[in-house]
Protein backbone atom coordinates (compact mmCIF):
# COMPACT_ATOMS: atom_id res chain seq x y z
CA UNK A 1 -28.37 9.54 -3.89
CA UNK A 2 -26.95 7.13 -1.31
CA UNK A 3 -27.62 4.20 -3.63
CA UNK A 4 -25.77 5.90 -6.46
CA UNK A 5 -22.72 6.31 -4.22
CA UNK A 6 -22.92 2.65 -3.15
CA UNK A 7 -23.13 1.58 -6.80
CA UNK A 8 -20.08 3.68 -7.73
CA UNK A 9 -18.07 2.26 -4.83
CA UNK A 10 -19.09 -1.30 -5.75
CA UNK A 11 -18.04 -0.66 -9.35
CA UNK A 12 -14.68 0.79 -8.30
CA UNK A 13 -14.30 -1.77 -5.53
CA UNK A 14 -14.19 -4.85 -7.71
CA UNK A 15 -11.98 -7.74 -6.78
CA UNK A 16 -8.29 -7.79 -7.46
CA UNK A 17 -5.68 -10.32 -6.47
CA UNK A 18 -2.15 -9.66 -5.31
CA UNK A 19 -0.84 -10.85 -8.69
CA UNK A 20 -3.19 -8.42 -10.50
CA UNK A 21 -1.92 -5.54 -8.39
CA UNK A 22 1.72 -6.58 -8.92
CA UNK A 23 1.21 -6.19 -12.68
CA UNK A 24 -0.04 -2.62 -12.34
CA UNK A 25 2.46 0.21 -12.82
CA UNK A 26 4.05 1.31 -9.58
CA UNK A 27 2.55 4.43 -8.04
CA UNK A 28 5.72 5.22 -6.07
CA UNK A 29 9.29 4.01 -6.21
CA UNK A 30 11.46 5.56 -3.50
CA UNK A 31 14.28 4.84 -1.07
CA UNK A 32 14.46 5.30 2.67
CA UNK A 33 17.20 5.32 5.27
CA UNK A 34 15.07 3.05 7.49
CA UNK A 35 15.55 -0.70 7.59
CA UNK A 36 12.84 -2.79 5.90
CA UNK A 37 11.49 -3.86 9.30
CA UNK A 38 11.33 -0.31 10.66
CA UNK A 39 9.72 0.98 7.47
CA UNK A 40 7.08 -1.78 7.38
CA UNK A 41 6.21 -1.17 11.05
CA UNK A 42 5.88 2.56 10.38
CA UNK A 43 3.58 2.06 7.36
CA UNK A 44 1.38 -0.47 9.16
CA UNK A 45 1.04 1.92 12.11
CA UNK A 46 -0.02 4.80 9.85
CA UNK A 47 -2.47 2.65 7.87
CA UNK A 48 -4.10 1.33 11.05
CA UNK A 49 -5.74 4.75 11.41
CA UNK A 50 -7.70 4.41 8.15
CA UNK A 51 -7.83 0.70 7.23
CA UNK A 52 -8.27 -2.79 8.59
CA UNK A 53 -5.00 -4.46 9.65
CA UNK A 54 -2.49 -4.95 6.85
CA UNK A 55 -0.70 -8.24 6.25
CA UNK A 56 3.08 -8.21 6.52
CA UNK A 57 5.02 -11.11 5.05
CA UNK A 58 8.68 -11.79 4.30
CA UNK A 59 9.63 -10.86 0.74
CA UNK A 60 13.07 -11.16 -0.87
CA UNK A 61 15.40 -9.49 1.65
CA UNK A 62 12.66 -7.41 3.25
CA UNK A 63 8.92 -7.33 3.65
CA UNK A 64 5.74 -7.08 1.61
CA UNK A 65 2.81 -5.19 3.11
CA UNK A 66 -0.57 -6.12 1.65
CA UNK A 67 -3.04 -3.32 2.34
CA UNK A 68 -6.75 -4.20 2.40
CA UNK A 69 -9.48 -2.13 0.79
CA UNK A 70 -11.38 0.23 3.07
CA UNK A 71 -14.65 -1.72 2.91
CA UNK A 72 -13.45 -5.30 2.39
CA UNK A 73 -10.48 -7.52 3.02
CA UNK A 74 -9.52 -7.75 -0.68
CA UNK A 75 -6.12 -6.21 -1.41
CA UNK A 76 -6.04 -2.54 -2.41
CA UNK A 77 -2.28 -2.00 -2.50
CA UNK A 78 1.04 -3.76 -2.16
CA UNK A 79 4.10 -2.14 -0.67
CA UNK A 80 7.33 -4.01 -1.44
CA UNK A 81 10.12 -3.05 0.94
CA UNK A 82 13.49 -4.48 -0.02
CA UNK A 83 16.84 -4.15 1.73
CA UNK A 84 19.38 -2.04 -0.13
CA UNK A 85 23.02 -3.07 -0.40
CA UNK A 86 23.93 -0.30 2.03
CA UNK A 87 21.72 0.76 4.91
CA UNK A 88 18.13 1.54 4.10
CA UNK A 89 15.29 0.29 1.98
CA UNK A 90 13.94 0.42 -1.53
CA UNK A 91 10.15 0.87 -1.57
CA UNK A 92 7.73 0.18 -4.41
CA UNK A 93 4.02 0.90 -4.09
CA UNK A 94 1.48 -0.74 -6.40
CA UNK A 95 -2.19 0.24 -6.06
CA UNK A 96 -5.25 -1.54 -7.39
CA UNK A 97 -6.87 1.52 -8.97
CA UNK A 98 -3.74 3.53 -9.63
CA UNK A 99 -5.21 5.23 -12.69
CA UNK A 100 -8.34 6.54 -10.90
CA UNK A 101 -7.73 10.10 -9.67
CA UNK A 102 -10.47 9.97 -6.99
CA UNK A 103 -8.96 6.96 -5.20
CA UNK A 104 -8.11 7.25 -1.50
CA UNK A 105 -4.58 8.57 -1.02
CA UNK A 106 -4.05 7.34 2.53
CA UNK A 107 -1.61 4.63 1.40
CA UNK A 108 0.58 7.16 -0.44
CA UNK A 109 0.41 9.51 2.56
CA UNK A 110 1.50 6.69 4.91
CA UNK A 111 4.48 5.81 2.69
CA UNK A 112 5.45 9.49 2.36
CA UNK A 113 5.14 10.02 6.12
CA UNK A 114 7.43 7.07 6.84
CA UNK A 115 10.02 8.28 4.31
CA UNK A 116 10.08 11.75 5.81
CA UNK A 117 10.59 10.34 9.30
CA UNK A 118 7.20 10.94 10.91
């Protein structure tokens, strides 16, 4: 039974690049009152509990957080955090397996937690 689980995870795991994930439909598109820097720091802190360290890089007028998969360093999700014209941020989440209902939801929970102020 363990081998079956490993095979399923390997099949779902696959390799995806950042550009592949960018082309996937966004899983979330929201706004926050936090600055892009504060929001990216919040998300990275929340994701550190369940994943390897995320990569944060400058993107447009904000930041892009590249979230690794749970079992490898390949990207699993991209969180684009852009500065809004007024205070706050515009956040777009793209996930590698966004159409698979059994995917881990820790990335969505981290984004939601940072929007709600936790």
